[in-house]
Amino acid sequence: MPTRPPKASPARGLTPRAVSDLLSHARASNADLRPDAEPLGVTLPRVTREVEAQDEEGLAARLLAVWSDTVRAHVEAGTHEVSLSGGVDSAALCAMAARHAPGEARAWTMDVHFADAGERSNARRMAQVTGAELVDVHIPDSVLPDLFEHAVLANQTVILNARAVASYVFYLEARRQGAGPVLLSGAGADEVLQGTPGALASAKARVDEDRALAVRALRLEAMAAVDNLRAPLRAGSRDHEEAPGAARGAVDNSGSALDGAPHGDQESKPAAGHAPSGNGGRDQSVGRREDSTPVDNLRTVSGHRNSDHASHGPPVDNLGTVLASLPAPWELSQEEALPSEELRYAKWVLTELILPPELRGARAHGLTVRTPYLDEGFARVALALPESVLLRDGFGKWLFRHAVRSLVPDEVRLARKTPRYGHTALSSPVRSRWLELYRAWLSPSRLDSLQVVNTQGVLGLMERYFRLPPDDAQAGPMDRLLMRLMSLAMLQAHTKAPP
């Protein structure tokens, strides 16, 4: 695996405004931090969910038919390879690809220490059921800190945890072992089929935690960069806005639409469990934040209160007041606001967290990743389904799980999303290597180059973070902040200063 410093095209340096906006979630999009960043092209149909379900079996049959047509278009275009995590989304994708290309499907799965054991078992089960060839890509823990910088530059935006680095390494090794040139991914299913009950509330809690820490990470002079934040920000506070009226469409990570197929792109990860059974079947139910279980910090958040970054009094100075009054980032002013908060949130989480590691990370290795769940035809049907057929007995994606019952065994189809601690540097088997990386990139000179960072405040947070036990409720939020700052320092180091 490569260890040489990655090369990056010189570009205009990160502005102080971009840095402060990102840390305080004051941008509608962080995925365009660099002016030369390739667009992700996330376009969701402007539809809203129907209020009531008239015929659930009819809706399930229609959903399955549209899913079949969507995957068949990709298979007929020559794509027979699937990224298989073992969750219901990738399992249904693998099964449908194998149905349309009997004996030709090949599934790629990831062996990394924080991969869910139940999902890995389910991936093997799906390969047996479908007859797909299964290729297990082993990712040593030691390469994750070594390739963090490579992953940041490939993603062209900040990285929140090691899962995004693992995705980069997964596609690197899959390509070396003969994958591609095109793979199908189950990403986007959660966003169009309400796969994670309570995701929106968890995301808002995470934003609150991040903003509370941002007060300690930013200089008070950063107020000059985040002024007037209570007022709508032009074009979502983007530093590098594309031309008005520019053509947009759901694209794969090659940057072009799939001929003859619905357009779109990307996945998430469930775990193991049993069938729905009344109130006992809870996926990720939302209760009081102080009672919530810490979960994967890629999509959701540790809900525990703690003294290190929770607000126990009035916001800190003017900066704290401004940050506390900001709406969620997906609700900031945009030129083309989508008609519902669900859609605005879905676009935000896809653009910020889900798609960059998949699409841009794979593209760096010459792979094109396509995401059928985000293809326009399927997404339009999925996003119009009534909520009552999607959220049931604590399950997300209920109607889809029901629709694919002929394709996916029950132990996979009805596996529950289990809350789990997000992978942080503290919980890694190579913890010392991660901490070395933090010290190297969060040095005073690196932090000072970002111009708006409270260097001593961040160094104090970092030293406190190093002393935390891995399962501490503070670890996830602090790790997100430190990884964001490290990503920003890396991006800055590979750019030219503004003229």
Protein backbone atom coordinates (compact mmCIF):
# COMPACT_ATOMS: atom_id res chain seq x y z
CA MET A 1 0.00 0.00 0.00
CA PRO A 2 1.30 3.48 -0.82
CA THR A 3 2.97 5.47 1.93
CA ARG A 4 4.53 8.30 -0.08
CA PRO A 5 2.96 11.73 0.46
CA PRO A 6 0.10 12.02 -2.03
CA LYS A 7 0.27 14.55 -4.80
CA ALA A 8 -2.48 17.13 -5.11
CA SER A 9 -3.12 19.79 -7.70
CA PRO A 10 -2.30 23.26 -6.35
CA ALA A 11 -5.46 25.22 -5.66
CA ARG A 12 -6.53 28.36 -3.86
CA GLY A 13 -5.98 28.02 -0.11
CA LEU A 14 -8.81 27.48 2.34
CA THR A 15 -10.28 30.77 3.45
CA PRO A 16 -10.74 31.60 7.15
CA ARG A 17 -14.46 31.81 6.45
CA ALA A 18 -14.53 28.29 5.04
CA VAL A 19 -12.69 26.89 8.07
CA SER A 20 -14.85 28.63 10.68
CA ASP A 21 -18.07 27.84 8.81
CA LEU A 22 -17.18 24.17 8.58
CA LEU A 23 -16.31 23.80 12.26
CA SER A 24 -19.50 25.56 13.33
CA HIS A 25 -21.80 23.92 10.73
CA ALA A 26 -22.53 27.32 9.23
CA ARG A 27 -22.38 26.09 5.62
CA ALA A 28 -25.10 24.36 3.66
CA SER A 29 -22.35 22.26 2.07
CA ASN A 30 -18.84 21.39 3.16
CA ALA A 31 -18.21 19.12 0.19
CA ASP A 32 -17.03 22.03 -1.97
CA LEU A 33 -14.25 23.27 0.31
CA ARG A 34 -11.72 23.27 -2.50
CA PRO A 35 -12.43 25.24 -5.67
CA ASP A 36 -11.21 22.35 -7.81
CA ALA A 37 -13.37 19.72 -6.08
CA GLU A 38 -15.29 17.53 -8.51
CA PRO A 39 -19.06 17.88 -7.99
CA LEU A 40 -20.92 14.95 -6.48
CA GLY A 41 -24.10 15.67 -8.40
CA VAL A 42 -26.58 14.68 -5.68
CA THR A 43 -30.04 15.36 -7.06
CA LEU A 44 -33.13 14.03 -5.30
CA PRO A 45 -36.61 14.06 -6.86
CA ARG A 46 -38.73 16.92 -5.56
CA VAL A 47 -41.48 14.71 -4.17
CA THR A 48 -43.14 14.46 -0.76
CA ARG A 49 -44.46 11.40 0.97
CA GLU A 50 -48.08 10.42 0.61
CA VAL A 51 -50.12 10.66 3.79
CA GLU A 52 -51.82 7.25 3.81
CA ALA A 53 -51.19 3.83 2.34
CA GLN A 54 -54.15 2.49 0.41
CA ASP A 55 -52.77 -0.93 -0.56
CA GLU A 56 -49.58 -2.06 1.17
CA GLU A 57 -49.18 -5.25 -0.86
CA GLY A 58 -49.66 -3.26 -4.04
CA LEU A 59 -47.05 -0.74 -2.93
CA ALA A 60 -44.62 -3.56 -2.07
CA ALA A 61 -45.11 -5.18 -5.49
CA ARG A 62 -44.54 -1.86 -7.24
CA LEU A 63 -41.43 -1.13 -5.17
CA LEU A 64 -39.96 -4.54 -6.00
CA ALA A 65 -40.74 -4.13 -9.71
CA VAL A 66 -39.04 -0.72 -9.83
CA TRP A 67 -36.07 -2.13 -7.92
CA SER A 68 -35.78 -4.99 -10.41
CA ASP A 69 -35.91 -2.62 -13.38
CA THR A 70 -33.33 -0.31 -11.78
CA VAL A 71 -30.76 -3.02 -11.09
CA ARG A 72 -31.39 -4.73 -14.44
CA ALA A 73 -30.47 -1.53 -16.26
CA HIS A 74 -27.09 -1.51 -14.51
CA VAL A 75 -26.51 -5.21 -15.13
CA GLU A 76 -27.41 -4.92 -18.81
CA ALA A 77 -24.92 -2.05 -19.04
CA GLY A 78 -22.26 -4.56 -18.00
CA THR A 79 -21.98 -4.14 -14.22
CA HIS A 80 -22.02 -7.44 -12.32
CA GLU A 81 -20.00 -6.47 -9.24
CA VAL A 82 -21.40 -5.34 -5.90
CA SER A 83 -19.99 -3.85 -2.71
CA LEU A 84 -21.57 -6.15 -0.09
CA SER A 85 -21.60 -5.06 3.56
CA GLY A 86 -24.11 -7.69 4.66
CA GLY A 87 -26.90 -5.24 5.50
CA VAL A 88 -30.31 -5.56 3.88
CA ASP A 89 -29.56 -2.82 1.32
CA SER A 90 -26.44 -4.38 -0.18
CA ALA A 91 -27.92 -7.87 0.26
CA ALA A 92 -30.98 -6.96 -1.84
CA LEU A 93 -28.69 -5.35 -4.40
CA CYS A 94 -26.50 -8.46 -4.62
CA ALA A 95 -29.52 -10.75 -4.89
CA MET A 96 -31.11 -8.71 -7.68
CA ALA A 97 -27.84 -8.41 -9.60
CA ALA A 98 -27.38 -12.19 -9.35
CA ARG A 99 -30.97 -12.75 -10.56
CA HIS A 100 -30.34 -10.67 -13.68
CA ALA A 101 -26.84 -12.08 -14.28
CA PRO A 102 -26.91 -15.71 -13.05
CA GLY A 103 -23.44 -17.07 -12.36
CA GLU A 104 -21.74 -13.76 -13.15
CA ALA A 105 -22.20 -11.68 -9.99
CA ARG A 106 -19.20 -10.95 -7.82
CA ALA A 107 -19.47 -9.43 -4.32
CA TRP A 108 -16.74 -7.52 -2.47
CA THR A 109 -16.79 -7.29 1.31
CA MET A 110 -14.57 -5.54 3.86
CA ASP A 111 -12.64 -7.24 6.66
CA VAL A 112 -11.62 -4.52 9.12
CA HIS A 113 -11.61 -4.74 12.90
CA PHE A 114 -14.67 -2.53 13.45
CA ALA A 115 -16.82 -4.31 10.82
CA ASP A 116 -19.96 -5.78 12.38
CA ALA A 117 -19.59 -9.55 12.86
CA GLY A 118 -23.28 -10.16 12.16
CA GLU A 119 -23.11 -8.29 8.86
CA ARG A 120 -19.99 -10.16 7.78
CA SER A 121 -21.77 -13.43 8.47
CA ASN A 122 -24.77 -12.19 6.50
CA ALA A 123 -22.53 -11.27 3.57
CA ARG A 124 -21.23 -14.84 3.43
CA ARG A 125 -24.81 -16.11 3.64
CA MET A 126 -25.88 -13.91 0.72
CA ALA A 127 -23.01 -15.15 -1.42
CA GLN A 128 -24.13 -18.74 -0.78
CA VAL A 129 -27.78 -17.98 -1.50
CA THR A 130 -27.16 -16.03 -4.70
CA GLY A 131 -24.21 -17.98 -6.06
CA ALA A 132 -22.14 -14.80 -6.23
CA GLU A 133 -18.39 -15.07 -5.94
CA LEU A 134 -17.34 -13.50 -2.63
CA VAL A 135 -14.04 -11.64 -2.34
CA ASP A 136 -13.05 -10.64 1.20
CA VAL A 137 -10.77 -7.59 1.30
CA HIS A 138 -8.62 -7.57 4.43
CA ILE A 139 -7.69 -4.12 5.77
CA PRO A 140 -4.94 -4.09 8.44
CA ASP A 141 -5.53 -1.55 11.20
CA SER A 142 -2.05 -0.12 10.77
CA VAL A 143 -2.75 1.24 7.27
CA LEU A 144 -5.64 3.45 8.37
CA PRO A 145 -3.59 6.23 10.03
CA ASP A 146 -0.91 5.83 7.34
CA LEU A 147 -3.44 6.49 4.56
CA PHE A 148 -5.54 9.15 6.31
CA GLU A 149 -3.89 11.96 4.35
CA HIS A 150 -4.36 10.10 1.06
CA ALA A 151 -8.04 9.61 1.86
CA VAL A 152 -8.59 13.28 2.74
CA LEU A 153 -7.10 14.44 -0.56
CA ALA A 154 -9.05 11.84 -2.53
CA ASN A 155 -12.33 12.78 -0.81
CA GLN A 156 -11.54 16.49 -1.28
CA THR A 157 -13.21 17.31 2.01
CA VAL A 158 -12.91 16.57 5.73
CA ILE A 159 -13.01 13.06 7.21
CA LEU A 160 -14.88 12.37 10.43
CA ASN A 161 -13.61 8.92 11.40
CA ALA A 162 -11.63 5.92 10.28
CA ARG A 163 -14.57 4.34 8.44
CA ALA A 164 -14.07 6.82 5.63
CA VAL A 165 -10.38 5.87 5.47
CA ALA A 166 -11.32 2.19 5.45
CA SER A 167 -13.57 2.84 2.46
CA TYR A 168 -10.65 4.44 0.61
CA VAL A 169 -8.41 1.44 1.39
CA PHE A 170 -11.18 -1.01 0.50
CA TYR A 171 -11.46 0.37 -3.03
CA LEU A 172 -7.68 0.54 -3.35
CA GLU A 173 -7.29 -3.15 -2.52
CA ALA A 174 -10.40 -4.22 -4.46
CA ARG A 175 -9.01 -2.56 -7.57
CA ARG A 176 -5.66 -4.29 -7.07
CA GLN A 177 -7.48 -7.61 -6.84
CA GLY A 178 -9.31 -7.06 -10.10
CA ALA A 179 -12.55 -5.30 -9.15
CA GLY A 180 -14.40 -3.11 -11.55
CA PRO A 181 -14.09 -0.98 -13.42
CA VAL A 182 -17.66 -0.43 -12.14
CA LEU A 183 -19.18 -1.51 -8.81
CA LEU A 184 -22.70 -1.15 -7.47
CA SER A 185 -23.19 0.12 -3.91
CA GLY A 186 -26.23 0.08 -1.63
CA ALA A 187 -25.55 3.59 -0.35
CA GLY A 188 -28.51 5.94 -0.26
CA ALA A 189 -31.12 3.37 0.77
CA ASP A 190 -31.39 4.76 4.31
CA GLU A 191 -31.88 8.26 2.97
CA VAL A 192 -34.73 7.48 0.54
CA LEU A 193 -36.41 4.69 2.55
CA GLN A 194 -36.10 6.11 6.10
CA GLY A 195 -33.79 3.31 7.13
CA THR A 196 -32.69 4.78 10.47
CA PRO A 197 -35.51 5.86 12.79
CA GLY A 198 -34.47 8.97 14.64
CA ALA A 199 -31.63 9.85 12.24
CA LEU A 200 -32.72 13.47 11.93
CA ALA A 201 -32.87 14.00 15.69
CA SER A 202 -29.48 12.32 16.12
CA ALA A 203 -27.95 14.53 13.43
CA LYS A 204 -29.29 17.65 15.14
CA ALA A 205 -27.80 16.47 18.44
CA ARG A 206 -24.45 15.90 16.74
CA VAL A 207 -24.55 19.39 15.22
CA ASP A 208 -25.22 20.83 18.68
CA GLU A 209 -22.24 18.95 20.11
CA ASP A 210 -19.99 20.05 17.27
CA ARG A 211 -21.02 23.69 17.66
CA ALA A 212 -20.39 23.61 21.41
CA LEU A 213 -16.86 22.35 20.78
CA ALA A 214 -16.36 24.86 17.96
CA VAL A 215 -16.65 27.66 20.51
CA ARG A 216 -13.52 26.26 22.17
CA ALA A 217 -11.71 25.56 18.90
CA LEU A 218 -12.20 28.94 17.19
CA ARG A 219 -10.66 32.28 18.07
CA LEU A 220 -13.12 34.93 19.11
CA GLU A 221 -11.80 36.95 16.17
CA ALA A 222 -13.46 34.28 14.01
CA MET A 223 -16.61 36.33 14.59
CA ALA A 224 -15.38 38.40 11.65
CA ALA A 225 -15.66 35.29 9.52
CA VAL A 226 -18.96 34.05 10.93
CA ASP A 227 -20.75 37.35 11.25
CA ASN A 228 -24.44 37.78 10.50
CA LEU A 229 -24.99 34.04 10.70
CA ARG A 230 -28.54 34.44 11.96
CA ALA A 231 -29.42 35.93 8.60
CA PRO A 232 -29.75 33.61 5.58
CA LEU A 233 -26.41 32.98 3.92
CA ARG A 234 -26.19 33.55 0.20
CA ALA A 235 -26.13 30.29 -1.73
CA GLY A 236 -25.73 28.30 1.45
CA SER A 237 -22.48 30.06 2.43
CA ARG A 238 -20.51 28.43 -0.33
CA ASP A 239 -17.13 29.85 -1.14
CA HIS A 240 -17.02 28.39 -4.63
CA GLU A 241 -20.49 28.50 -6.13
CA GLU A 242 -21.22 26.89 -9.47
CA ALA A 243 -22.75 28.99 -12.19
CA PRO A 244 -26.49 29.60 -11.84
CA GLY A 245 -28.50 27.36 -14.07
CA ALA A 246 -25.70 24.82 -14.46
CA ALA A 247 -26.99 21.43 -15.51
CA ARG A 248 -27.44 19.05 -12.60
CA GLY A 249 -28.29 15.40 -12.47
CA ALA A 250 -27.64 12.32 -10.40
CA VAL A 251 -24.37 10.92 -11.66
CA ASP A 252 -22.04 8.08 -10.80
CA ASN A 253 -18.51 8.79 -9.70
CA SER A 254 -17.22 8.84 -13.25
CA GLY A 255 -19.04 12.19 -13.56
CA SER A 256 -21.39 10.99 -16.27
CA ALA A 257 -24.90 9.59 -16.27
CA LEU A 258 -25.49 5.90 -16.92
CA ASP A 259 -26.85 5.50 -20.43
CA GLY A 260 -30.10 3.64 -20.51
CA ALA A 261 -30.51 3.52 -16.74
CA PRO A 262 -32.19 5.75 -14.17
CA HIS A 263 -29.69 8.29 -12.88
CA GLY A 264 -28.16 8.33 -9.47
CA ASP A 265 -25.63 6.99 -6.96
CA GLN A 266 -24.51 5.08 -3.12
CA GLU A 267 -24.87 2.76 1.37
CA SER A 268 -25.27 2.20 5.04
CA LYS A 269 -24.84 -0.59 7.46
CA PRO A 270 -27.34 -2.62 9.52
CA ALA A 271 -26.59 -5.60 11.93
CA ALA A 272 -28.17 -8.78 13.35
CA GLY A 273 -31.45 -9.51 15.12
CA HIS A 274 -34.95 -10.88 14.74
CA ALA A 275 -38.24 -10.10 13.10
CA PRO A 276 -40.42 -7.16 14.19
CA SER A 277 -42.33 -7.96 17.36
CA GLY A 278 -44.29 -5.07 18.73
CA ASN A 279 -42.54 -2.61 20.97
CA GLY A 280 -39.59 -4.95 21.47
CA GLY A 281 -38.37 -4.40 17.95
CA ARG A 282 -36.54 -1.11 18.28
CA ASP A 283 -33.92 -0.15 15.71
CA GLN A 284 -32.53 3.11 17.04
CA SER A 285 -35.41 4.58 18.91
CA VAL A 286 -35.09 8.18 19.97
CA GLY A 287 -35.48 8.89 23.64
CA ARG A 288 -34.05 11.51 25.93
CA ARG A 289 -30.54 12.48 24.88
CA GLU A 290 -29.12 11.62 28.28
CA ASP A 291 -30.51 8.08 27.87
CA SER A 292 -29.38 7.49 24.31
CA THR A 293 -26.71 4.99 23.29
CA PRO A 294 -23.58 6.21 21.51
CA VAL A 295 -23.73 5.14 17.88
CA ASP A 296 -21.64 5.25 14.73
CA ASN A 297 -20.35 8.81 14.46
CA LEU A 298 -20.35 8.72 10.68
CA ARG A 299 -24.12 9.13 10.49
CA THR A 300 -25.31 9.59 14.01
CA VAL A 301 -24.00 10.70 17.34
CA SER A 302 -23.22 10.04 20.96
CA GLY A 303 -26.25 11.38 22.76
CA HIS A 304 -24.78 11.47 26.27
CA ARG A 305 -24.44 14.79 28.02
CA ASN A 306 -21.03 15.50 29.47
CA SER A 307 -19.25 18.30 31.18
CA ASP A 308 -16.57 18.69 28.56
CA HIS A 309 -18.68 20.04 25.75
CA ALA A 310 -22.32 20.25 26.79
CA SER A 311 -23.82 23.68 27.35
CA HIS A 312 -24.59 24.15 31.05
CA GLY A 313 -25.28 27.84 30.91
CA PRO A 314 -25.55 30.79 28.58
CA PRO A 315 -23.67 30.45 25.27
CA VAL A 316 -20.03 31.51 25.40
CA ASP A 317 -19.51 35.10 24.34
CA ASN A 318 -20.94 36.37 21.09
CA LEU A 319 -19.64 33.42 19.10
CA GLY A 320 -21.54 30.97 21.30
CA THR A 321 -24.68 33.07 21.02
CA VAL A 322 -24.50 33.10 17.24
CA LEU A 323 -23.78 29.38 16.95
CA ALA A 324 -26.62 28.50 19.30
CA SER A 325 -29.05 30.49 17.18
CA LEU A 326 -28.09 28.88 13.86
CA PRO A 327 -30.50 26.48 12.16
CA ALA A 328 -29.34 23.01 11.19
CA PRO A 329 -26.92 23.15 8.24
CA TRP A 330 -29.43 21.51 5.90
CA GLU A 331 -31.88 24.31 6.74
CA LEU A 332 -29.50 27.14 5.81
CA SER A 333 -30.48 29.25 2.83
CA GLN A 334 -29.91 27.58 -0.53
CA GLU A 335 -30.66 28.59 -4.08
CA GLU A 336 -32.79 25.51 -4.74
CA ALA A 337 -34.27 24.43 -1.42
CA LEU A 338 -36.00 21.05 -1.50
CA PRO A 339 -39.66 20.96 -0.40
CA SER A 340 -39.28 19.00 2.88
CA GLU A 341 -36.82 18.79 5.74
CA GLU A 342 -36.47 15.07 5.06
CA LEU A 343 -35.20 15.77 1.55
CA ARG A 344 -32.96 18.63 2.66
CA TYR A 345 -31.42 16.45 5.35
CA ALA A 346 -31.02 13.51 2.94
CA LYS A 347 -29.15 15.67 0.44
CA TRP A 348 -26.95 17.11 3.19
CA VAL A 349 -25.97 13.77 4.74
CA LEU A 350 -25.29 12.24 1.32
CA THR A 351 -23.16 15.17 0.22
CA GLU A 352 -21.31 15.66 3.49
CA LEU A 353 -20.81 12.17 4.86
CA ILE A 354 -21.85 9.29 2.62
CA LEU A 355 -20.82 10.01 -0.95
CA PRO A 356 -17.32 11.56 -0.75
CA PRO A 357 -15.61 8.43 0.69
CA GLU A 358 -17.47 6.18 -1.74
CA LEU A 359 -17.49 8.09 -5.00
CA ARG A 360 -14.35 10.21 -4.81
CA GLY A 361 -12.38 7.64 -2.84
CA ALA A 362 -13.14 4.92 -5.39
CA ARG A 363 -12.47 7.24 -8.32
CA ALA A 364 -8.95 7.86 -7.00
CA HIS A 365 -8.25 4.19 -7.76
CA GLY A 366 -9.88 4.13 -11.17
CA LEU A 367 -13.17 2.63 -9.99
CA THR A 368 -16.63 3.92 -10.78
CA VAL A 369 -19.21 3.39 -8.03
CA ARG A 370 -22.90 3.58 -8.91
CA THR A 371 -25.71 3.70 -6.39
CA PRO A 372 -29.02 2.32 -7.70
CA TYR A 373 -30.99 3.39 -4.62
CA LEU A 374 -30.38 6.99 -5.66
CA ASP A 375 -31.31 6.44 -9.31
CA GLU A 376 -34.09 8.84 -10.19
CA GLY A 377 -36.68 6.17 -11.01
CA PHE A 378 -36.29 4.22 -7.78
CA ALA A 379 -35.78 7.28 -5.55
CA ARG A 380 -38.96 8.90 -6.88
CA VAL A 381 -41.06 5.87 -5.91
CA ALA A 382 -39.29 5.36 -2.56
CA LEU A 383 -39.57 9.00 -1.48
CA ALA A 384 -43.31 9.05 -2.21
CA LEU A 385 -44.09 6.06 0.04
CA PRO A 386 -46.12 6.91 3.15
CA GLU A 387 -44.09 6.98 6.34
CA SER A 388 -46.50 4.48 7.91
CA VAL A 389 -45.20 1.68 5.63
CA LEU A 390 -41.55 2.51 6.24
CA LEU A 391 -41.33 2.88 10.03
CA ARG A 392 -42.96 0.03 11.90
CA ASP A 393 -42.23 -1.66 15.23
CA GLY A 394 -38.94 0.20 15.46
CA PHE A 395 -37.86 -0.99 12.02
CA GLY A 396 -36.79 1.32 9.24
CA LYS A 397 -37.33 0.45 5.54
CA TRP A 398 -40.15 -1.90 6.60
CA LEU A 399 -41.94 -2.05 3.23
CA PHE A 400 -38.69 -2.64 1.37
CA ARG A 401 -37.76 -5.44 3.77
CA HIS A 402 -41.18 -6.96 3.08
CA ALA A 403 -40.87 -6.47 -0.69
CA VAL A 404 -37.54 -8.35 -0.96
CA ARG A 405 -38.65 -11.38 1.06
CA SER A 406 -38.28 -13.62 -2.00
CA LEU A 407 -34.69 -12.44 -2.52
CA VAL A 408 -33.16 -12.10 0.93
CA PRO A 409 -33.25 -14.70 3.76
CA ASP A 410 -35.11 -13.58 6.87
CA GLU A 411 -31.98 -13.55 9.07
CA VAL A 412 -30.52 -10.93 6.73
CA ARG A 413 -33.71 -9.16 5.70
CA LEU A 414 -34.91 -8.65 9.27
CA ALA A 415 -31.55 -7.92 10.87
CA ARG A 416 -31.70 -4.88 13.07
CA LYS A 417 -29.53 -1.81 13.01
CA THR A 418 -27.69 -2.04 16.31
CA PRO A 419 -26.31 1.12 17.91
CA ARG A 420 -22.56 0.88 18.37
CA TYR A 421 -19.70 3.13 19.30
CA GLY A 422 -18.20 4.93 16.37
CA HIS A 423 -14.62 4.00 15.61
CA THR A 424 -12.26 6.59 17.06
CA ALA A 425 -8.50 6.79 17.39
CA LEU A 426 -8.88 5.82 21.04
CA SER A 427 -10.51 2.46 20.28
CA SER A 428 -8.09 1.45 17.53
CA PRO A 429 -5.69 -1.46 18.02
CA VAL A 430 -3.02 0.93 16.71
CA ARG A 431 -3.99 3.78 19.02
CA SER A 432 -0.41 5.00 19.46
CA ARG A 433 0.00 5.42 15.69
CA TRP A 434 -3.18 7.51 15.53
CA LEU A 435 -2.03 9.72 18.38
CA GLU A 436 1.30 10.27 16.62
CA LEU A 437 -0.62 11.39 13.53
CA TYR A 438 -2.72 13.80 15.62
CA ARG A 439 0.36 15.34 17.20
CA ALA A 440 2.07 15.75 13.83
CA TRP A 441 -0.86 17.46 12.08
CA LEU A 442 -2.32 19.37 15.03
CA SER A 443 0.95 21.14 15.78
CA PRO A 444 0.89 24.90 16.50
CA SER A 445 2.25 25.77 13.04
CA ARG A 446 -0.32 23.62 11.26
CA LEU A 447 -3.19 25.02 13.32
CA ASP A 448 -1.97 28.59 12.91
CA SER A 449 -2.04 28.13 9.12
CA LEU A 450 -5.84 27.86 9.35
CA GLN A 451 -5.88 31.46 10.71
CA VAL A 452 -9.05 31.24 12.82
CA VAL A 453 -8.19 28.38 15.18
CA ASN A 454 -7.61 28.85 18.90
CA THR A 455 -4.38 26.88 18.86
CA GLN A 456 -3.87 26.62 22.62
CA GLY A 457 -7.52 25.68 23.12
CA VAL A 458 -7.26 22.87 20.58
CA LEU A 459 -3.97 21.58 22.00
CA GLY A 460 -5.59 21.46 25.43
CA LEU A 461 -8.58 19.54 24.07
CA MET A 462 -6.25 17.13 22.29
CA GLU A 463 -4.25 16.35 25.43
CA ARG A 464 -7.45 15.79 27.36
CA TYR A 465 -8.77 13.55 24.58
CA PHE A 466 -5.63 11.40 24.70
CA ARG A 467 -6.39 10.56 28.36
CA LEU A 468 -9.99 9.43 27.74
CA PRO A 469 -11.01 5.76 27.83
CA PRO A 470 -12.25 4.56 24.40
CA ASP A 471 -15.88 4.21 25.48
CA ASP A 472 -16.11 7.66 27.09
CA ALA A 473 -19.12 9.65 25.87
CA GLN A 474 -16.82 12.57 25.03
CA ALA A 475 -14.64 10.53 22.67
CA GLY A 476 -16.89 10.65 19.60
CA PRO A 477 -17.54 14.42 19.52
CA MET A 478 -13.92 15.27 20.34
CA ASP A 479 -12.65 12.84 17.72
CA ARG A 480 -14.89 14.43 15.08
CA LEU A 481 -13.47 17.85 15.91
CA LEU A 482 -9.85 16.70 15.88
CA MET A 483 -10.27 14.74 12.65
CA ARG A 484 -11.93 17.74 11.02
CA LEU A 485 -9.05 19.96 12.08
CA MET A 486 -6.46 17.42 10.91
CA SER A 487 -8.26 17.14 7.55
CA LEU A 488 -8.32 20.93 7.19
CA ALA A 489 -4.60 21.14 7.99
CA MET A 490 -3.89 18.52 5.31
CA LEU A 491 -6.02 20.29 2.71
CA GLN A 492 -4.33 23.57 3.56
CA ALA A 493 -0.88 22.01 3.27
CA HIS A 494 -1.69 20.91 -0.28
CA THR A 495 -3.02 24.23 -1.50
CA LYS A 496 -1.56 27.57 -2.39
CA ALA A 497 -2.31 30.53 -0.19
CA PRO A 498 -5.05 32.91 -1.39
CA PRO A 499 -3.71 35.75 -3.55
